[in-house]
């Protein structure tokens, strides 16, 4: 099920009411159309000390660290997410 039409309607209403700006509305819509995290197989992870988001298949949660091929519980990785923009 796609929530995109519902989100579009909600954002449009918030802009019309003056609760958010048009620029904020555009950012909300753009961010909703892209996946939050792009997980890749651990076999292709960099091993140069780069800080990564790693998926721990035993605990079923992400952890931060660098990949050194020494933990069989780690099955996937993603780039470390950027922090929020601060005006």
PDB file of N, CA and C in Angstrom:
ATOM      1  N   UNK A   1       0.837  -1.182   0.000  1.00  0.00           N
ATOM      2  CA  UNK A   1       0.000   0.000   0.000  1.00  0.00           C
ATOM      3  C   UNK A   1       0.883   1.246   0.000  1.00  0.00           C
ATOM      4  N   UNK A   2       0.575   2.197  -0.849  1.00  0.00           N
ATOM      5  CA  UNK A   2       1.334   3.434  -0.924  1.00  0.00           C
ATOM      6  C   UNK A   2       0.646   4.526  -0.101  1.00  0.00           C
ATOM      7  N   UNK A   3       1.428   5.148   0.746  1.00  0.00           N
ATOM      8  CA  UNK A   3       0.914   6.251   1.552  1.00  0.00           C
ATOM      9  C   UNK A   3       1.194   7.609   0.907  1.00  0.00           C
ATOM     10  N   UNK A   4       1.772   7.588  -0.283  1.00  0.00           N
ATOM     11  CA  UNK A   4       2.156   8.833  -0.957  1.00  0.00           C
ATOM     12  C   UNK A   4       0.980   9.792  -1.163  1.00  0.00           C
ATOM     13  N   UNK A   5      -0.174   9.348  -1.667  1.00  0.00           N
ATOM     14  CA  UNK A   5      -1.293  10.293  -1.838  1.00  0.00           C
ATOM     15  C   UNK A   5      -1.753  10.904  -0.507  1.00  0.00           C
ATOM     16  N   UNK A   6      -1.788  10.098   0.538  1.00  0.00           N
ATOM     17  CA  UNK A   6      -2.173  10.600   1.857  1.00  0.00           C
ATOM     18  C   UNK A   6      -1.173  11.635   2.357  1.00  0.00           C
ATOM     19  N   UNK A   7       0.103  11.334   2.187  1.00  0.00           N
ATOM     20  CA  UNK A   7       1.149  12.278   2.595  1.00  0.00           C
ATOM     21  C   UNK A   7       1.052  13.570   1.793  1.00  0.00           C
ATOM     22  N   UNK A   8       0.846  13.461   0.497  1.00  0.00           N
ATOM     23  CA  UNK A   8       0.715  14.652  -0.353  1.00  0.00           C
ATOM     24  C   UNK A   8      -0.442  15.532   0.133  1.00  0.00           C
ATOM     25  N   UNK A   9      -1.575  14.911   0.443  1.00  0.00           N
ATOM     26  CA  UNK A   9      -2.745  15.636   0.913  1.00  0.00           C
ATOM     27  C   UNK A   9      -2.463  16.321   2.247  1.00  0.00           C
ATOM     28  N   UNK A  10      -1.830  15.603   3.161  1.00  0.00           N
ATOM     29  CA  UNK A  10      -1.505  16.166   4.470  1.00  0.00           C
ATOM     30  C   UNK A  10      -0.560  17.355   4.341  1.00  0.00           C
ATOM     31  N   UNK A  11       0.471  17.205   3.522  1.00  0.00           N
ATOM     32  CA  UNK A  11       1.441  18.288   3.333  1.00  0.00           C
ATOM     33  C   UNK A  11       0.766  19.497   2.684  1.00  0.00           C
ATOM     34  N   UNK A  12      -0.065  19.266   1.680  1.00  0.00           N
ATOM     35  CA  UNK A  12      -0.782  20.360   1.015  1.00  0.00           C
ATOM     36  C   UNK A  12      -1.657  21.126   2.012  1.00  0.00           C
ATOM     37  N   UNK A  13      -2.349  20.389   2.878  1.00  0.00           N
ATOM     38  CA  UNK A  13      -3.190  21.017   3.891  1.00  0.00           C
ATOM     39  C   UNK A  13      -2.354  21.852   4.866  1.00  0.00           C
ATOM     40  N   UNK A  14      -1.217  21.325   5.282  1.00  0.00           N
ATOM     41  CA  UNK A  14      -0.347  22.048   6.217  1.00  0.00           C
ATOM     42  C   UNK A  14       0.218  23.320   5.597  1.00  0.00           C
ATOM     43  N   UNK A  15       0.532  23.287   4.319  1.00  0.00           N
ATOM     44  CA  UNK A  15       1.010  24.480   3.623  1.00  0.00           C
ATOM     45  C   UNK A  15      -0.113  25.502   3.533  1.00  0.00           C
ATOM     46  N   UNK A  16      -1.311  25.048   3.173  1.00  0.00           N
ATOM     47  CA  UNK A  16      -2.459  25.950   3.037  1.00  0.00           C
ATOM     48  C   UNK A  16      -2.805  26.605   4.367  1.00  0.00           C
ATOM     49  N   UNK A  17      -2.661  25.886   5.459  1.00  0.00           N
ATOM     50  CA  UNK A  17      -2.953  26.423   6.788  1.00  0.00           C
ATOM     51  C   UNK A  17      -1.824  27.293   7.336  1.00  0.00           C
ATOM     52  N   UNK A  18      -0.674  27.287   6.651  1.00  0.00           N
ATOM     53  CA  UNK A  18       0.466  28.069   7.121  1.00  0.00           C
ATOM     54  C   UNK A  18       1.280  27.376   8.197  1.00  0.00           C
ATOM     55  N   UNK A  19       1.043  26.091   8.416  1.00  0.00           N
ATOM     56  CA  UNK A  19       1.789  25.374   9.458  1.00  0.00           C
ATOM     57  C   UNK A  19       3.204  25.023   9.024  1.00  0.00           C
ATOM     58  N   UNK A  20       3.419  24.843   7.713  1.00  0.00           N
ATOM     59  CA  UNK A  20       4.759  24.606   7.189  1.00  0.00           C
ATOM     60  C   UNK A  20       4.928  25.400   5.908  1.00  0.00           C
ATOM     61  N   UNK A  21       6.195  25.652   5.553  1.00  0.00           N
ATOM     62  CA  UNK A  21       6.477  26.403   4.326  1.00  0.00           C
ATOM     63  C   UNK A  21       6.462  25.473   3.117  1.00  0.00           C
ATOM     64  N   UNK A  22       6.404  26.065   1.960  1.00  0.00           N
ATOM     65  CA  UNK A  22       6.439  25.298   0.722  1.00  0.00           C
ATOM     66  C   UNK A  22       7.761  24.538   0.614  1.00  0.00           C
ATOM     67  N   UNK A  23       8.870  25.164   1.016  1.00  0.00           N
ATOM     68  CA  UNK A  23      10.168  24.488   0.943  1.00  0.00           C
ATOM     69  C   UNK A  23      10.218  23.267   1.855  1.00  0.00           C
ATOM     70  N   UNK A  24       9.675  23.383   3.051  1.00  0.00           N
ATOM     71  CA  UNK A  24       9.631  22.237   3.971  1.00  0.00           C
ATOM     72  C   UNK A  24       8.753  21.147   3.370  1.00  0.00           C
ATOM     73  N   UNK A  25       7.635  21.521   2.786  1.00  0.00           N
ATOM     74  CA  UNK A  25       6.736  20.550   2.157  1.00  0.00           C
ATOM     75  C   UNK A  25       7.451  19.805   1.038  1.00  0.00           C
ATOM     76  N   UNK A  26       8.187  20.514   0.216  1.00  0.00           N
ATOM     77  CA  UNK A  26       8.925  19.867  -0.878  1.00  0.00           C
ATOM     78  C   UNK A  26       9.943  18.875  -0.338  1.00  0.00           C
ATOM     79  N   UNK A  27      10.642  19.253   0.749  1.00  0.00           N
ATOM     80  CA  UNK A  27      11.642  18.367   1.337  1.00  0.00           C
ATOM     81  C   UNK A  27      10.988  17.107   1.910  1.00  0.00           C
ATOM     82  N   UNK A  28       9.840  17.262   2.564  1.00  0.00           N
ATOM     83  CA  UNK A  28       9.124  16.112   3.121  1.00  0.00           C
ATOM     84  C   UNK A  28       8.747  15.141   2.012  1.00  0.00           C
ATOM     85  N   UNK A  29       8.202  15.663   0.928  1.00  0.00           N
ATOM     86  CA  UNK A  29       7.789  14.816  -0.192  1.00  0.00           C
ATOM     87  C   UNK A  29       9.007  14.123  -0.812  1.00  0.00           C
ATOM     88  N   UNK A  30      10.087  14.857  -1.035  1.00  0.00           N
ATOM     89  CA  UNK A  30      11.291  14.275  -1.646  1.00  0.00           C
ATOM     90  C   UNK A  30      11.873  13.173  -0.763  1.00  0.00           C
ATOM     91  N   UNK A  31      11.938  13.407   0.536  1.00  0.00           N
ATOM     92  CA  UNK A  31      12.501  12.409   1.444  1.00  0.00           C
ATOM     93  C   UNK A  31      11.615  11.178   1.552  1.00  0.00           C
ATOM     94  N   UNK A  32      10.321  11.337   1.367  1.00  0.00           N
ATOM     95  CA  UNK A  32       9.419  10.198   1.470  1.00  0.00           C
ATOM     96  C   UNK A  32       9.511   9.283   0.255  1.00  0.00           C
ATOM     97  N   UNK A  33      10.073   9.769  -0.833  1.00  0.00           N
ATOM     98  CA  UNK A  33      10.155   8.989  -2.066  1.00  0.00           C
ATOM     99  C   UNK A  33      11.444   8.190  -2.175  1.00  0.00           C
ATOM    100  N   UNK A  34      12.364   8.395  -1.252  1.00  0.00           N
ATOM    101  CA  UNK A  34      13.623   7.665  -1.291  1.00  0.00           C
ATOM    102  C   UNK A  34      13.738   6.782  -0.053  1.00  0.00           C
ATOM    103  N   UNK A  35      14.361   5.618  -0.192  1.00  0.00           N
ATOM    104  CA  UNK A  35      14.504   4.751   0.978  1.00  0.00           C
ATOM    105  C   UNK A  35      15.404   5.411   2.020  1.00  0.00           C
ATOM    106  N   UNK A  36      15.091   5.189   3.271  1.00  0.00           N
ATOM    107  CA  UNK A  36      15.875   5.780   4.355  1.00  0.00           C
ATOM    108  C   UNK A  36      17.295   5.213   4.377  1.00  0.00           C
ATOM    109  N   UNK A  37      17.410   3.913   4.143  1.00  0.00           N
ATOM    110  CA  UNK A  37      18.718   3.253   4.181  1.00  0.00           C
ATOM    111  C   UNK A  37      18.816   2.296   3.003  1.00  0.00           C
ATOM    112  N   UNK A  38      19.926   2.347   2.302  1.00  0.00           N
ATOM    113  CA  UNK A  38      20.185   1.413   1.205  1.00  0.00           C
ATOM    114  C   UNK A  38      21.164   0.356   1.718  1.00  0.00           C
ATOM    115  N   UNK A  39      20.643  -0.806   2.070  1.00  0.00           N
ATOM    116  CA  UNK A  39      21.467  -1.896   2.595  1.00  0.00           C
ATOM    117  C   UNK A  39      22.116  -2.661   1.439  1.00  0.00           C
ATOM    118  N   UNK A  40      23.401  -2.952   1.591  1.00  0.00           N
ATOM    119  CA  UNK A  40      24.171  -3.704   0.597  1.00  0.00           C
ATOM    120  C   UNK A  40      24.781  -4.932   1.261  1.00  0.00           C
ATOM    121  N   UNK A  41      25.084  -5.991   0.495  1.00  0.00           N
ATOM    122  CA  UNK A  41      25.709  -7.185   1.069  1.00  0.00           C
ATOM    123  C   UNK A  41      27.072  -6.846   1.674  1.00  0.00           C
ATOM    124  N   UNK A  42      27.369  -7.447   2.799  1.00  0.00           N
ATOM    125  CA  UNK A  42      28.619  -7.149   3.503  1.00  0.00           C
ATOM    126  C   UNK A  42      29.848  -7.527   2.670  1.00  0.00           C
ATOM    127  N   UNK A  43      29.693  -8.430   1.722  1.00  0.00           N
ATOM    128  CA  UNK A  43      30.820  -8.860   0.884  1.00  0.00           C
ATOM    129  C   UNK A  43      31.434  -7.711   0.096  1.00  0.00           C
ATOM    130  N   UNK A  44      30.674  -6.648  -0.147  1.00  0.00           N
ATOM    131  CA  UNK A  44      31.213  -5.527  -0.929  1.00  0.00           C
ATOM    132  C   UNK A  44      31.539  -4.307  -0.057  1.00  0.00           C
ATOM    133  N   UNK A  45      31.547  -4.487   1.253  1.00  0.00           N
ATOM    134  CA  UNK A  45      31.815  -3.371   2.178  1.00  0.00           C
ATOM    135  C   UNK A  45      33.281  -2.955   2.130  1.00  0.00           C
ATOM    136  N   UNK A  46      33.548  -1.662   2.264  1.00  0.00           N
ATOM    137  CA  UNK A  46      34.941  -1.217   2.337  1.00  0.00           C
ATOM    138  C   UNK A  46      35.595  -1.724   3.622  1.00  0.00           C
ATOM    139  N   UNK A  47      36.878  -2.050   3.530  1.00  0.00           N
ATOM    140  CA  UNK A  47      37.615  -2.559   4.692  1.00  0.00           C
ATOM    141  C   UNK A  47      38.764  -1.621   5.049  1.00  0.00           C
ATOM    142  N   UNK A  48      38.564  -0.333   4.795  1.00  0.00           N
ATOM    143  CA  UNK A  48      39.624   0.649   5.007  1.00  0.00           C
ATOM    144  C   UNK A  48      39.424   1.499   6.268  1.00  0.00           C
ATOM    145  N   UNK A  49      38.536   1.062   7.156  1.00  0.00           N
ATOM    146  CA  UNK A  49      38.283   1.808   8.380  1.00  0.00           C
ATOM    147  C   UNK A  49      37.148   2.811   8.278  1.00  0.00           C
ATOM    148  N   UNK A  50      36.494   2.876   7.114  1.00  0.00           N
ATOM    149  CA  UNK A  50      35.362   3.785   6.927  1.00  0.00           C
ATOM    150  C   UNK A  50      34.269   3.442   7.927  1.00  0.00           C
ATOM    151  N   UNK A  51      33.723   4.455   8.570  1.00  0.00           N
ATOM    152  CA  UNK A  51      32.619   4.238   9.513  1.00  0.00           C
ATOM    153  C   UNK A  51      31.350   3.914   8.727  1.00  0.00           C
ATOM    154  N   UNK A  52      30.679   2.816   9.115  1.00  0.00           N
ATOM    155  CA  UNK A  52      29.516   2.319   8.396  1.00  0.00           C
ATOM    156  C   UNK A  52      28.369   2.020   9.355  1.00  0.00           C
ATOM    157  N   UNK A  53      27.200   1.879   8.789  1.00  0.00           N
ATOM    158  CA  UNK A  53      26.052   1.345   9.497  1.00  0.00           C
ATOM    159  C   UNK A  53      26.022  -0.142   9.145  1.00  0.00           C
ATOM    160  N   UNK A  54      26.148  -1.004  10.141  1.00  0.00           N
ATOM    161  CA  UNK A  54      26.241  -2.446   9.921  1.00  0.00           C
ATOM    162  C   UNK A  54      24.990  -3.138  10.460  1.00  0.00           C
ATOM    163  N   UNK A  55      24.497  -4.155   9.755  1.00  0.00           N
ATOM    164  CA  UNK A  55      23.325  -4.893  10.202  1.00  0.00           C
ATOM    165  C   UNK A  55      23.760  -6.150  10.946  1.00  0.00           C
ATOM    166  N   UNK A  56      23.375  -6.230  12.224  1.00  0.00           N
ATOM    167  CA  UNK A  56      23.662  -7.385  13.063  1.00  0.00           C
ATOM    168  C   UNK A  56      22.492  -8.358  12.945  1.00  0.00           C
ATOM    169  N   UNK A  57      22.707  -9.477  12.264  1.00  0.00           N
ATOM    170  CA  UNK A  57      21.616 -10.430  12.004  1.00  0.00           C
ATOM    171  C   UNK A  57      21.194 -11.193  13.258  1.00  0.00           C
ATOM    172  N   UNK A  58      22.032 -11.208  14.276  1.00  0.00           N
ATOM    173  CA  UNK A  58      21.664 -11.898  15.515  1.00  0.00           C
ATOM    174  C   UNK A  58      20.722 -11.040  16.370  1.00  0.00           C
ATOM    175  N   UNK A  59      21.078  -9.786  16.564  1.00  0.00           N
ATOM    176  CA  UNK A  59      20.241  -8.903  17.386  1.00  0.00           C
ATOM    177  C   UNK A  59      19.130  -8.245  16.569  1.00  0.00           C
ATOM    178  N   UNK A  60      19.223  -8.362  15.241  1.00  0.00           N
ATOM    179  CA  UNK A  60      18.227  -7.766  14.331  1.00  0.00           C
ATOM    180  C   UNK A  60      18.160  -6.245  14.490  1.00  0.00           C
ATOM    181  N   UNK A  61      19.338  -5.613  14.559  1.00  0.00           N
ATOM    182  CA  UNK A  61      19.379  -4.156  14.652  1.00  0.00           C
ATOM    183  C   UNK A  61      20.681  -3.623  14.061  1.00  0.00           C
ATOM    184  N   UNK A  62      20.674  -2.347  13.686  1.00  0.00           N
ATOM    185  CA  UNK A  62      21.884  -1.754  13.126  1.00  0.00           C
ATOM    186  C   UNK A  62      22.856  -1.324  14.226  1.00  0.00           C
ATOM    187  N   UNK A  63      24.136  -1.358  13.878  1.00  0.00           N
ATOM    188  CA  UNK A  63      25.196  -0.878  14.763  1.00  0.00           C
ATOM    189  C   UNK A  63      26.175  -0.068  13.917  1.00  0.00           C
ATOM    190  N   UNK A  64      26.867   0.864  14.545  1.00  0.00           N
ATOM    191  CA  UNK A  64      27.882   1.643  13.838  1.00  0.00           C
ATOM    192  C   UNK A  64      29.253   1.033  14.071  1.00  0.00           C
ATOM    193  N   UNK A  65      30.083   1.070  13.039  1.00  0.00           N
ATOM    194  CA  UNK A  65      31.440   0.564  13.167  1.00  0.00           C
ATOM    195  C   UNK A  65      32.102   0.501  11.814  1.00  0.00           C
ATOM    196  N   UNK A  66      33.298  -0.082  11.787  1.00  0.00           N
ATOM    197  CA  UNK A  66      33.985  -0.305  10.513  1.00  0.00           C
ATOM    198  C   UNK A  66      34.055  -1.810  10.287  1.00  0.00           C
ATOM    199  N   UNK A  67      34.120  -2.222   9.031  1.00  0.00           N
ATOM    200  CA  UNK A  67      34.093  -3.639   8.695  1.00  0.00           C
ATOM    201  C   UNK A  67      35.497  -4.186   8.580  1.00  0.00           C
ATOM    202  N   UNK A  68      35.746  -5.291   9.324  1.00  0.00           N
ATOM    203  CA  UNK A  68      37.066  -5.925   9.310  1.00  0.00           C
ATOM    204  C   UNK A  68      36.980  -7.420   9.011  1.00  0.00           C
ATOM    205  N   UNK A  69      35.828  -7.882   8.520  1.00  0.00           N
ATOM    206  CA  UNK A  69      35.631  -9.298   8.159  1.00  0.00           C
ATOM    207  C   UNK A  69      35.781 -10.239   9.346  1.00  0.00           C
ATOM    208  N   UNK A  70      35.509  -9.773  10.563  1.00  0.00           N
ATOM    209  CA  UNK A  70      35.736 -10.626  11.730  1.00  0.00           C
ATOM    210  C   UNK A  70      34.471 -10.962  12.514  1.00  0.00           C
ATOM    211  N   UNK A  71      33.297 -10.659  11.968  1.00  0.00           N
ATOM    212  CA  UNK A  71      32.072 -10.909  12.701  1.00  0.00           C
ATOM    213  C   UNK A  71      31.026 -11.531  11.773  1.00  0.00           C
ATOM    214  N   UNK A  72      30.788 -12.831  11.886  1.00  0.00           N
ATOM    215  CA  UNK A  72      29.844 -13.488  10.980  1.00  0.00           C
ATOM    216  C   UNK A  72      28.388 -13.056  11.181  1.00  0.00           C
ATOM    217  N   UNK A  73      28.073 -12.379  12.293  1.00  0.00           N
ATOM    218  CA  UNK A  73      26.706 -11.897  12.526  1.00  0.00           C
ATOM    219  C   UNK A  73      26.354 -10.731  11.614  1.00  0.00           C
ATOM    220  N   UNK A  74      27.367 -10.021  11.126  1.00  0.00           N
ATOM    221  CA  UNK A  74      27.137  -8.852  10.278  1.00  0.00           C
ATOM    222  C   UNK A  74      26.905  -9.320   8.850  1.00  0.00           C
ATOM    223  N   UNK A  75      25.718  -9.007   8.302  1.00  0.00           N
ATOM    224  CA  UNK A  75      25.364  -9.510   6.972  1.00  0.00           C
ATOM    225  C   UNK A  75      25.220  -8.419   5.919  1.00  0.00           C
ATOM    226  N   UNK A  76      24.980  -7.168   6.336  1.00  0.00           N
ATOM    227  CA  UNK A  76      24.764  -6.072   5.395  1.00  0.00           C
ATOM    228  C   UNK A  76      25.379  -4.793   5.959  1.00  0.00           C
ATOM    229  N   UNK A  77      25.563  -3.822   5.084  1.00  0.00           N
ATOM    230  CA  UNK A  77      26.072  -2.519   5.510  1.00  0.00           C
ATOM    231  C   UNK A  77      25.393  -1.418   4.716  1.00  0.00           C
ATOM    232  N   UNK A  78      25.481  -0.220   5.230  1.00  0.00           N
ATOM    233  CA  UNK A  78      25.012   0.977   4.537  1.00  0.00           C
ATOM    234  C   UNK A  78      25.935   2.120   4.907  1.00  0.00           C
ATOM    235  N   UNK A  79      25.915   3.154   4.106  1.00  0.00           N
ATOM    236  CA  UNK A  79      26.695   4.348   4.427  1.00  0.00           C
ATOM    237  C   UNK A  79      26.151   4.969   5.710  1.00  0.00           C
ATOM    238  N   UNK A  80      27.039   5.543   6.489  1.00  0.00           N
ATOM    239  CA  UNK A  80      26.598   6.241   7.694  1.00  0.00           C
ATOM    240  C   UNK A  80      25.702   7.401   7.279  1.00  0.00           C
ATOM    241  N   UNK A  81      24.516   7.507   7.851  1.00  0.00           N
ATOM    242  CA  UNK A  81      23.607   8.582   7.431  1.00  0.00           C
ATOM    243  C   UNK A  81      24.129   9.949   7.859  1.00  0.00           C
ATOM    244  N   UNK A  82      23.795  10.946   7.073  1.00  0.00           N
ATOM    245  CA  UNK A  82      24.166  12.315   7.413  1.00  0.00           C
ATOM    246  C   UNK A  82      23.226  12.820   8.503  1.00  0.00           C
ATOM    247  N   UNK A  83      23.695  13.727   9.286  1.00  0.00           N
ATOM    248  CA  UNK A  83      22.850  14.328  10.308  1.00  0.00           C
ATOM    249  C   UNK A  83      21.886  15.318   9.693  1.00  0.00           C
ATOM    250  N   UNK A  84      20.961  15.817  10.495  1.00  0.00           N
ATOM    251  CA  UNK A  84      19.989  16.774   9.971  1.00  0.00           C
ATOM    252  C   UNK A  84      20.637  18.112   9.654  1.00  0.00           C
ATOM    253  N   UNK A  85      20.038  18.822   8.706  1.00  0.00           N
ATOM    254  CA  UNK A  85      20.506  20.167   8.392  1.00  0.00           C
ATOM    255  C   UNK A  85      20.037  21.102   9.487  1.00  0.00           C
ATOM    256  N   UNK A  86      20.938  21.912   9.978  1.00  0.00           N
ATOM    257  CA  UNK A  86      20.582  22.871  11.024  1.00  0.00           C
ATOM    258  C   UNK A  86      20.631  24.263  10.410  1.00  0.00           C
ATOM    259  N   UNK A  87      19.501  24.984  10.463  1.00  0.00           N
ATOM    260  CA  UNK A  87      19.483  26.304   9.831  1.00  0.00           C
ATOM    261  C   UNK A  87      20.398  27.295  10.514  1.00  0.00           C
TER     262      UNK A  87
END
